[in-house]
Amino acid sequence: MKLKNAKSGKTVEFMPHIPTRTDRALADSGGMLGPRILVFDIETTPMLSWHWRCFKENISPVQIVKFTRVLCWAAKWLDNDCVMFDSTQRDGEDDKRCCKTLWKLCNDADILVAHNGRAFDMGTLRARWLAHYQEPPAPSRWVDTLRVARGRFKFPSNRLDGIARYLGLGSKLGHEGFQLWLDCMTGDKAAWRTMEEYNINDVLLDEEVYLKIRAWDSQHPNVSLLYGDGQDRCVVCGGRNFKALNQKAYTAASEFDARRCVTCKTVMRSRKRTDRRASHATIA
């Protein structure tokens, strides 16, 4: 596995000690260290099959020669400059070790962030983990930036590259297309260097998109619960500084002060309700 500093660009080989939930609970902070949010992206190989035509062809399982496998992955912990990368470059067609290293990270993550991650990345990983007799990772929550983009905005394109360009955050790295995957599968070192940069850039780009749109995500996991310190925190980023708004926030039965997180700009309601008279009326 490789560790690359996103700022300096330096890359080193490493096998990390990944802190477990127990390690964090026993930390000297008096509680948990806060949420571990993992931003990740995988690249996979195409399937190889026997088929009669190029168009409108239904391929039976008996026609498949080689199934999709994980080619490589990149990941980073939110607010950490280091990006992790692992691949099957030295393993040939065996992706068991590569899948296991990402499993360890997903097993320790409280929240997973990926673009189209629930349908593609995690669906593919679960299939490969199952094929390698790996048990399911520990429970975690999800932020799929594609879901947020589709549900909360009307971008010209919901692709990661399209969203990033629209928001002025950068773009995906250009490459030669499908030939890059073929060259990596045949062990071309130059192609693997390009693939590594491409994969890492996708993670850095998705992190920027996540940070930009997270305040708009009405289904974002409540990260304040993961600090375990009982402090009044932002439900999206865990910040403790708020700006009071003039408006009120309402549920079906109660009124709350509305406020905005100074750090991530999320608008939320206060923890205590402000109305003193609760209605006990019911609808017949």
Protein backbone atom coordinates (compact mmCIF):
# COMPACT_ATOMS: atom_id res chain seq x y z
CA MET A 1 0.00 0.00 0.00
CA LYS A 2 1.19 3.54 -0.73
CA LEU A 3 0.72 6.72 1.25
CA LYS A 4 0.90 10.00 -0.64
CA ASN A 5 0.89 13.49 0.83
CA ALA A 6 -1.59 15.53 -1.19
CA LYS A 7 0.31 18.77 -0.57
CA SER A 8 3.94 17.72 -1.02
CA GLY A 9 3.27 14.97 -3.56
CA LYS A 10 5.67 12.60 -1.76
CA THR A 11 4.81 8.89 -1.87
CA VAL A 12 6.02 6.15 0.48
CA GLU A 13 5.24 2.45 0.93
CA PHE A 14 3.59 1.67 4.24
CA MET A 15 1.43 -0.75 6.15
CA PRO A 16 -0.63 1.39 8.50
CA HIS A 17 -1.79 0.71 12.01
CA ILE A 18 -5.47 1.51 11.64
CA PRO A 19 -6.95 2.66 14.97
CA THR A 20 -10.01 0.68 15.94
CA ARG A 21 -13.17 2.02 17.56
CA THR A 22 -11.86 0.69 20.88
CA ASP A 23 -8.58 2.58 20.43
CA ARG A 24 -10.49 5.79 19.88
CA ALA A 25 -12.82 5.24 22.83
CA LEU A 26 -9.83 4.80 25.13
CA ALA A 27 -8.04 7.91 23.88
CA ASP A 28 -7.03 10.45 26.51
CA SER A 29 -9.52 13.01 25.18
CA GLY A 30 -12.08 11.61 27.58
CA GLY A 31 -14.26 10.36 24.74
CA MET A 32 -14.22 9.46 21.09
CA LEU A 33 -12.02 11.49 18.79
CA GLY A 34 -14.87 12.36 16.50
CA PRO A 35 -16.07 10.79 13.28
CA ARG A 36 -13.69 8.98 10.96
CA ILE A 37 -14.93 9.94 7.51
CA LEU A 38 -13.37 7.96 4.66
CA VAL A 39 -13.46 9.34 1.12
CA PHE A 40 -12.64 6.61 -1.39
CA ASP A 41 -12.85 5.52 -5.01
CA ILE A 42 -12.17 2.22 -6.76
CA GLU A 43 -11.23 1.31 -10.31
CA THR A 44 -12.19 -2.07 -11.73
CA THR A 45 -11.31 -4.29 -14.65
CA PRO A 46 -13.76 -4.96 -17.47
CA MET A 47 -15.31 -8.37 -17.88
CA LEU A 48 -14.03 -10.65 -20.63
CA SER A 49 -16.59 -12.71 -22.53
CA TRP A 50 -17.35 -14.66 -25.69
CA HIS A 51 -20.10 -12.97 -27.68
CA TRP A 52 -21.46 -12.93 -31.22
CA ARG A 53 -22.12 -9.24 -31.88
CA CYS A 54 -20.98 -5.76 -30.81
CA PHE A 55 -24.49 -4.35 -30.29
CA LYS A 56 -27.69 -5.50 -28.57
CA GLU A 57 -26.08 -8.61 -27.19
CA ASN A 58 -27.32 -10.38 -24.05
CA ILE A 59 -24.36 -12.18 -22.52
CA SER A 60 -25.09 -15.32 -20.54
CA PRO A 61 -22.96 -16.18 -17.48
CA VAL A 62 -21.59 -19.20 -19.34
CA GLN A 63 -20.13 -16.79 -21.94
CA ILE A 64 -18.13 -14.86 -19.31
CA VAL A 65 -14.46 -15.80 -19.25
CA LYS A 66 -13.31 -13.37 -16.54
CA PHE A 67 -15.43 -11.43 -14.09
CA THR A 68 -14.89 -7.84 -12.98
CA ARG A 69 -12.31 -7.45 -10.22
CA VAL A 70 -10.84 -4.52 -8.32
CA LEU A 71 -7.91 -3.00 -10.17
CA CYS A 72 -6.95 -0.38 -7.58
CA TRP A 73 -8.34 2.01 -5.01
CA ALA A 74 -7.51 5.36 -3.42
CA ALA A 75 -8.80 6.69 -0.11
CA LYS A 76 -8.17 9.40 2.48
CA TRP A 77 -9.50 10.37 5.85
CA LEU A 78 -11.29 13.70 5.79
CA ASP A 79 -9.10 16.60 7.01
CA ASN A 80 -5.94 14.49 6.58
CA ASP A 81 -3.43 15.42 3.87
CA CYS A 82 -2.35 11.83 3.21
CA VAL A 83 -3.96 9.76 0.45
CA MET A 84 -3.73 5.96 0.55
CA PHE A 85 -3.45 3.91 -2.63
CA ASP A 86 -3.30 0.20 -3.31
CA SER A 87 -3.44 -1.85 -6.49
CA THR A 88 -3.09 -5.28 -8.01
CA GLN A 89 0.00 -4.24 -9.97
CA ARG A 90 2.13 -6.83 -8.18
CA ASP A 91 -0.65 -9.38 -7.75
CA GLY A 92 -1.67 -10.02 -11.34
CA GLU A 93 -5.31 -11.04 -11.54
CA ASP A 94 -5.63 -11.75 -7.83
CA ASP A 95 -7.38 -8.84 -6.06
CA LYS A 96 -7.80 -10.53 -2.67
CA ARG A 97 -5.02 -8.63 -0.90
CA CYS A 98 -6.04 -5.31 -2.46
CA CYS A 99 -9.66 -5.81 -1.44
CA LYS A 100 -8.62 -6.75 2.11
CA THR A 101 -6.62 -3.54 2.65
CA LEU A 102 -9.65 -1.43 1.71
CA TRP A 103 -11.88 -3.63 3.87
CA LYS A 104 -9.76 -2.69 6.88
CA LEU A 105 -10.34 1.00 6.23
CA CYS A 106 -14.08 0.59 5.61
CA ASN A 107 -14.33 -1.54 8.75
CA ASP A 108 -13.01 1.34 10.85
CA ALA A 109 -14.86 4.19 9.14
CA ASP A 110 -17.87 5.80 10.76
CA ILE A 111 -18.96 7.46 7.52
CA LEU A 112 -18.11 6.54 3.93
CA VAL A 113 -18.06 9.13 1.14
CA ALA A 114 -17.93 8.26 -2.56
CA HIS A 115 -19.50 9.36 -5.85
CA ASN A 116 -22.03 6.72 -6.88
CA GLY A 117 -20.43 4.79 -4.05
CA ARG A 118 -23.41 2.89 -2.73
CA ALA A 119 -24.43 1.42 -6.07
CA PHE A 120 -21.08 0.92 -7.79
CA ASP A 121 -18.10 1.06 -5.42
CA MET A 122 -19.63 -0.64 -2.39
CA GLY A 123 -21.72 -3.02 -4.49
CA THR A 124 -18.59 -4.16 -6.30
CA LEU A 125 -16.58 -4.39 -3.08
CA ARG A 126 -19.20 -6.48 -1.31
CA ALA A 127 -19.24 -8.91 -4.22
CA ARG A 128 -15.44 -9.20 -4.20
CA TRP A 129 -15.28 -9.50 -0.40
CA LEU A 130 -17.87 -12.26 -0.55
CA ALA A 131 -15.94 -14.03 -3.31
CA HIS A 132 -12.86 -13.95 -1.06
CA TYR A 133 -14.78 -15.25 1.99
CA GLN A 134 -14.39 -11.92 3.82
CA GLU A 135 -16.89 -11.11 6.56
CA PRO A 136 -18.93 -7.88 6.32
CA PRO A 137 -17.25 -4.75 7.71
CA ALA A 138 -18.57 -2.96 10.78
CA PRO A 139 -21.65 -0.76 10.29
CA SER A 140 -21.08 2.70 8.83
CA ARG A 141 -23.17 5.56 7.46
CA TRP A 142 -23.07 6.81 3.88
CA VAL A 143 -22.79 10.09 2.02
CA ASP A 144 -23.08 9.43 -1.71
CA THR A 145 -22.25 12.70 -3.45
CA LEU A 146 -24.10 11.53 -6.57
CA ARG A 147 -27.29 11.04 -4.52
CA VAL A 148 -26.94 14.49 -3.00
CA ALA A 149 -26.32 16.04 -6.42
CA ARG A 150 -29.39 14.40 -7.94
CA GLY A 151 -31.66 15.05 -4.97
CA ARG A 152 -30.74 18.63 -4.07
CA PHE A 153 -29.47 20.32 -7.22
CA LYS A 154 -29.94 20.54 -10.97
CA PHE A 155 -26.41 20.45 -12.32
CA PRO A 156 -25.87 20.26 -16.10
CA SER A 157 -24.10 16.96 -15.39
CA ASN A 158 -24.13 14.85 -12.24
CA ARG A 159 -20.83 13.21 -13.11
CA LEU A 160 -18.04 13.98 -10.66
CA ASP A 161 -16.14 15.85 -13.36
CA GLY A 162 -19.20 17.86 -14.34
CA ILE A 163 -20.02 18.90 -10.77
CA ALA A 164 -16.42 19.81 -9.99
CA ARG A 165 -16.11 21.94 -13.14
CA TYR A 166 -19.44 23.65 -12.44
CA LEU A 167 -18.35 24.56 -8.91
CA GLY A 168 -14.87 25.63 -10.01
CA LEU A 169 -13.16 22.90 -7.99
CA GLY A 170 -11.04 21.43 -10.77
CA SER A 171 -11.52 18.45 -13.04
CA LYS A 172 -10.69 14.78 -13.49
CA LEU A 173 -7.31 13.96 -14.98
CA GLY A 174 -7.30 13.30 -18.70
CA HIS A 175 -6.00 9.97 -20.01
CA GLU A 176 -6.05 7.81 -23.12
CA GLY A 177 -9.33 6.12 -22.23
CA PHE A 178 -9.99 2.38 -22.22
CA GLN A 179 -6.44 1.69 -23.37
CA LEU A 180 -5.20 2.81 -19.94
CA TRP A 181 -7.11 -0.07 -18.30
CA LEU A 182 -5.78 -2.55 -20.85
CA ASP A 183 -2.20 -1.35 -20.34
CA CYS A 184 -2.50 -1.63 -16.55
CA MET A 185 -3.85 -5.17 -16.89
CA THR A 186 -0.77 -6.11 -18.92
CA GLY A 187 1.58 -4.61 -16.31
CA ASP A 188 2.70 -1.43 -18.09
CA LYS A 189 4.50 0.65 -15.42
CA ALA A 190 3.84 4.01 -17.10
CA ALA A 191 0.14 3.17 -17.31
CA TRP A 192 0.08 2.25 -13.63
CA ARG A 193 1.62 5.62 -12.72
CA THR A 194 -1.10 7.36 -14.71
CA MET A 195 -3.80 5.21 -13.11
CA GLU A 196 -2.50 5.99 -9.63
CA GLU A 197 -2.59 9.74 -10.29
CA TYR A 198 -6.03 9.44 -11.86
CA ASN A 199 -7.45 7.44 -8.95
CA ILE A 200 -5.96 9.73 -6.31
CA ASN A 201 -7.20 12.84 -8.10
CA ASP A 202 -10.73 11.43 -8.12
CA VAL A 203 -10.63 11.08 -4.33
CA LEU A 204 -9.27 14.59 -3.82
CA LEU A 205 -11.90 15.96 -6.20
CA ASP A 206 -14.76 14.12 -4.50
CA GLU A 207 -13.56 15.38 -1.13
CA GLU A 208 -13.80 18.96 -2.41
CA VAL A 209 -17.26 18.31 -3.83
CA TYR A 210 -18.38 16.74 -0.53
CA LEU A 211 -17.14 19.69 1.51
CA LYS A 212 -18.90 22.08 -0.87
CA ILE A 213 -22.32 20.40 -0.85
CA ARG A 214 -22.55 18.77 2.58
CA ALA A 215 -24.39 21.74 4.11
CA TRP A 216 -27.22 21.12 1.63
CA ASP A 217 -27.56 17.41 2.41
CA SER A 218 -30.74 16.98 4.44
CA GLN A 219 -29.91 13.30 5.02
CA HIS A 220 -26.33 13.77 6.20
CA PRO A 221 -25.41 11.49 9.13
CA ASN A 222 -25.41 13.22 12.50
CA VAL A 223 -21.69 13.44 13.25
CA SER A 224 -22.23 15.15 16.61
CA LEU A 225 -23.19 11.78 18.07
CA LEU A 226 -19.76 10.38 17.20
CA TYR A 227 -17.80 12.69 19.51
CA GLY A 228 -19.33 11.17 22.63
CA ASP A 229 -18.63 14.29 24.69
CA GLY A 230 -22.17 15.63 25.16
CA GLN A 231 -21.22 19.01 23.67
CA ASP A 232 -23.57 21.02 21.48
CA ARG A 233 -22.12 20.45 18.00
CA CYS A 234 -23.02 20.88 14.35
CA VAL A 235 -24.72 17.75 13.07
CA VAL A 236 -22.76 17.86 9.78
CA CYS A 237 -19.19 18.88 10.65
CA GLY A 238 -19.05 18.73 14.46
CA GLY A 239 -18.24 22.44 14.84
CA ARG A 240 -19.23 24.26 18.01
CA ASN A 241 -19.68 27.81 16.77
CA PHE A 242 -23.11 28.92 15.58
CA LYS A 243 -24.75 32.06 14.28
CA ALA A 244 -28.33 32.65 15.39
CA LEU A 245 -30.89 33.25 12.65
CA ASN A 246 -33.97 35.42 12.93
CA GLN A 247 -36.23 32.67 11.69
CA LYS A 248 -37.59 29.79 13.72
CA ALA A 249 -37.47 26.10 12.89
CA TYR A 250 -40.66 24.08 13.31
CA THR A 251 -41.65 20.47 13.62
CA ALA A 252 -45.24 19.27 13.59
CA ALA A 253 -45.58 20.05 17.30
CA SER A 254 -42.69 22.27 18.46
CA GLU A 255 -40.74 25.46 17.76
CA PHE A 256 -36.94 25.79 17.87
CA ASP A 257 -34.38 28.54 17.32
CA ALA A 258 -32.77 28.29 13.90
CA ARG A 259 -29.00 28.69 13.60
CA ARG A 260 -26.16 28.33 11.12
CA CYS A 261 -22.88 26.53 11.70
CA VAL A 262 -20.01 28.99 11.27
CA THR A 263 -17.69 26.27 9.96
CA CYS A 264 -19.71 24.43 7.29
CA LYS A 265 -22.70 26.82 6.96
CA THR A 266 -25.30 24.15 7.65
CA VAL A 267 -28.63 25.50 8.88
CA MET A 268 -30.16 23.52 11.73
CA ARG A 269 -32.36 23.92 14.73
CA SER A 270 -31.25 24.24 18.34
CA ARG A 271 -31.42 21.25 20.65
CA LYS A 272 -34.04 22.75 22.98
CA ARG A 273 -37.48 23.85 21.89
CA THR A 274 -38.48 27.46 22.51
CA ASP A 275 -42.28 27.18 22.64
CA ARG A 276 -43.66 26.83 26.15
CA ARG A 277 -47.09 25.57 25.24
CA ALA A 278 -47.26 22.28 23.46
CA SER A 279 -50.48 21.50 21.68
CA HIS A 280 -52.17 18.28 22.69
CA ALA A 281 -54.88 18.49 20.06
CA THR A 282 -55.33 15.47 17.86
CA ILE A 283 -57.01 15.03 14.51
CA ALA A 284 -60.15 12.95 14.73
